[in-house]
Protein backbone atom coordinates (compact mmCIF):
# COMPACT_ATOMS: atom_id res chain seq x y z
CA UNK A 1 61.10 -34.86 11.18
CA UNK A 2 60.97 -32.17 13.86
CA UNK A 3 62.19 -28.69 13.12
CA UNK A 4 65.11 -28.01 15.48
CA UNK A 5 64.58 -24.25 15.28
CA UNK A 6 60.87 -24.42 16.10
CA UNK A 7 60.05 -22.78 19.44
CA UNK A 8 58.77 -24.94 22.31
CA UNK A 9 55.98 -22.47 22.90
CA UNK A 10 54.65 -19.22 21.57
CA UNK A 11 52.39 -16.56 23.03
CA UNK A 12 50.29 -14.32 20.84
CA UNK A 13 48.29 -11.44 22.26
CA UNK A 14 45.39 -10.38 20.07
CA UNK A 15 43.29 -7.24 20.41
CA UNK A 16 39.54 -7.75 20.07
CA UNK A 17 37.42 -4.66 19.50
CA UNK A 18 33.75 -4.24 20.45
CA UNK A 19 32.84 -0.60 19.92
CA UNK A 20 29.45 -0.83 21.64
CA UNK A 21 30.92 -2.11 24.93
CA UNK A 22 31.80 0.20 27.80
CA UNK A 23 35.40 -1.03 27.61
CA UNK A 24 35.71 -1.69 23.87
CA UNK A 25 39.19 -3.24 23.78
CA UNK A 26 39.94 -6.73 25.04
CA UNK A 27 43.22 -8.63 24.95
CA UNK A 28 43.17 -12.36 24.28
CA UNK A 29 46.23 -14.50 25.02
CA UNK A 30 46.79 -17.46 22.71
CA UNK A 31 49.32 -20.15 23.60
CA UNK A 32 50.81 -22.53 21.06
CA UNK A 33 52.89 -25.40 22.35
CA UNK A 34 52.85 -28.36 24.71
CA UNK A 35 49.61 -28.43 26.73
CA UNK A 36 51.41 -29.97 29.74
CA UNK A 37 53.84 -27.06 29.76
CA UNK A 38 50.93 -24.63 29.59
CA UNK A 39 49.22 -26.34 32.53
CA UNK A 40 52.51 -26.13 34.43
CA UNK A 41 52.62 -22.36 33.79
CA UNK A 42 49.05 -21.98 35.05
CA UNK A 43 49.73 -24.05 38.18
CA UNK A 44 52.88 -22.05 39.00
CA UNK A 45 50.98 -18.78 38.51
CA UNK A 46 48.24 -20.07 40.82
CA UNK A 47 50.63 -21.35 43.50
CA UNK A 48 52.68 -18.17 43.48
CA UNK A 49 49.56 -15.96 43.34
CA UNK A 50 51.40 -14.01 40.66
CA UNK A 51 50.13 -10.59 39.66
CA UNK A 52 51.18 -8.38 36.80
CA UNK A 53 51.30 -4.85 38.19
CA UNK A 54 51.46 -1.53 36.36
CA UNK A 55 52.88 1.63 37.90
CA UNK A 56 53.01 5.07 36.36
CA UNK A 57 56.61 6.23 36.27
CA UNK A 58 57.58 9.61 37.71
CA UNK A 59 58.54 12.33 35.24
CA UNK A 60 62.33 11.88 35.40
CA UNK A 61 62.13 8.08 35.07
CA UNK A 62 59.89 8.54 32.04
CA UNK A 63 62.60 10.65 30.46
CA UNK A 64 65.26 8.09 31.34
CA UNK A 65 63.37 4.96 30.21
CA UNK A 66 61.22 6.50 27.48
CA UNK A 67 58.26 4.62 28.95
CA UNK A 68 55.14 5.85 30.69
CA UNK A 69 54.60 2.72 32.79
CA UNK A 70 56.62 0.14 34.67
CA UNK A 71 55.28 -3.42 34.54
CA UNK A 72 56.44 -6.13 36.93
CA UNK A 73 55.38 -9.39 38.56
CA UNK A 74 54.68 -9.55 42.26
CA UNK A 75 53.04 -11.92 44.68
CA UNK A 76 49.51 -11.20 45.81
CA UNK A 77 49.26 -9.97 49.37
CA UNK A 78 46.33 -9.30 51.63
CA UNK A 79 46.63 -5.53 51.41
CA UNK A 80 45.10 -3.55 48.57
CA UNK A 81 47.41 -2.08 45.97
CA UNK A 82 46.97 1.44 44.68
CA UNK A 83 48.27 0.29 41.28
CA UNK A 84 46.34 -1.70 38.65
CA UNK A 85 46.99 -5.44 38.89
CA UNK A 86 46.00 -8.50 36.90
CA UNK A 87 46.16 -12.12 38.04
CA UNK A 88 48.53 -14.12 35.85
CA UNK A 89 46.39 -17.23 36.30
CA UNK A 90 43.30 -15.33 35.09
CA UNK A 91 45.25 -13.98 32.12
CA UNK A 92 46.44 -17.45 31.10
CA UNK A 93 42.99 -18.99 31.63
CA UNK A 94 41.44 -16.12 29.61
CA UNK A 95 38.86 -15.27 32.26
CA UNK A 96 36.25 -12.93 30.89
CA UNK A 97 36.75 -9.20 31.50
CA UNK A 98 40.25 -9.71 32.88
CA UNK A 99 41.96 -7.68 30.16
CA UNK A 100 39.46 -5.07 29.04
CA UNK A 101 40.39 -1.45 28.42
CA UNK A 102 38.84 1.84 27.31
CA UNK A 103 41.84 3.47 25.65
CA UNK A 104 43.47 2.11 22.48
CA UNK A 105 46.91 3.52 23.34
CA UNK A 106 46.78 1.88 26.76
CA UNK A 107 45.89 -1.45 25.14
CA UNK A 108 48.86 -1.27 22.78
CA UNK A 109 51.27 -0.48 25.62
CA UNK A 110 49.82 -3.24 27.81
CA UNK A 111 49.87 -5.76 24.94
CA UNK A 112 53.60 -5.23 24.42
CA UNK A 113 54.36 -5.46 28.16
CA UNK A 114 52.16 -8.53 28.59
CA UNK A 115 53.83 -10.39 25.74
CA UNK A 116 57.28 -9.54 27.12
CA UNK A 117 56.40 -10.66 30.66
CA UNK A 118 54.64 -13.86 29.56
CA UNK A 119 57.73 -14.87 27.62
CA UNK A 120 59.99 -14.06 30.59
CA UNK A 121 57.78 -16.13 32.88
CA UNK A 122 57.75 -19.09 30.47
CA UNK A 123 61.51 -18.87 29.91
CA UNK A 124 62.08 -19.08 33.69
CA UNK A 125 59.96 -22.22 33.85
CA UNK A 126 61.85 -23.78 30.93
CA UNK A 127 65.11 -23.11 32.78
CA UNK A 128 63.75 -24.71 35.96
CA UNK A 129 62.60 -27.79 34.04
CA UNK A 130 65.95 -28.18 32.26
CA UNK A 131 67.83 -27.83 35.59
CA UNK A 132 65.64 -30.54 37.13
CA UNK A 133 66.27 -32.84 34.17
CA UNK A 134 70.03 -32.28 34.37
CA UNK A 135 70.02 -33.09 38.10
CA UNK A 136 68.24 -36.39 37.41
CA UNK A 137 70.76 -37.36 34.74
CA UNK A 138 73.77 -37.06 37.06
């Protein structure tokens, strides 16, 4: 019997440490759930050319939000960004050296933001799928 309260998917972001590397901290994204749904997430990220971008907040916004950085999704453009960016497709596919960092504090902040944004992205796709199913029923 299936557990009704069991989530359809779950992301876990694990920190791997290699102290002899130049960038000793690496984040690994683990997905638990339906493999077809995961492939759908990867294909949407690839089609949309989705990037996770990090901006340093100005002083007054830091005071207001109690955060040092602002993380958000945007679509890849041809011009270079002056802010650090990571391809969502590369993150989901766990491409080597995509999520490597030097600073432990930075890794912890990014890990929290990444988990939040991955869940938001997946939730949006679940909503799209359920809307499509409801349209087909009526």
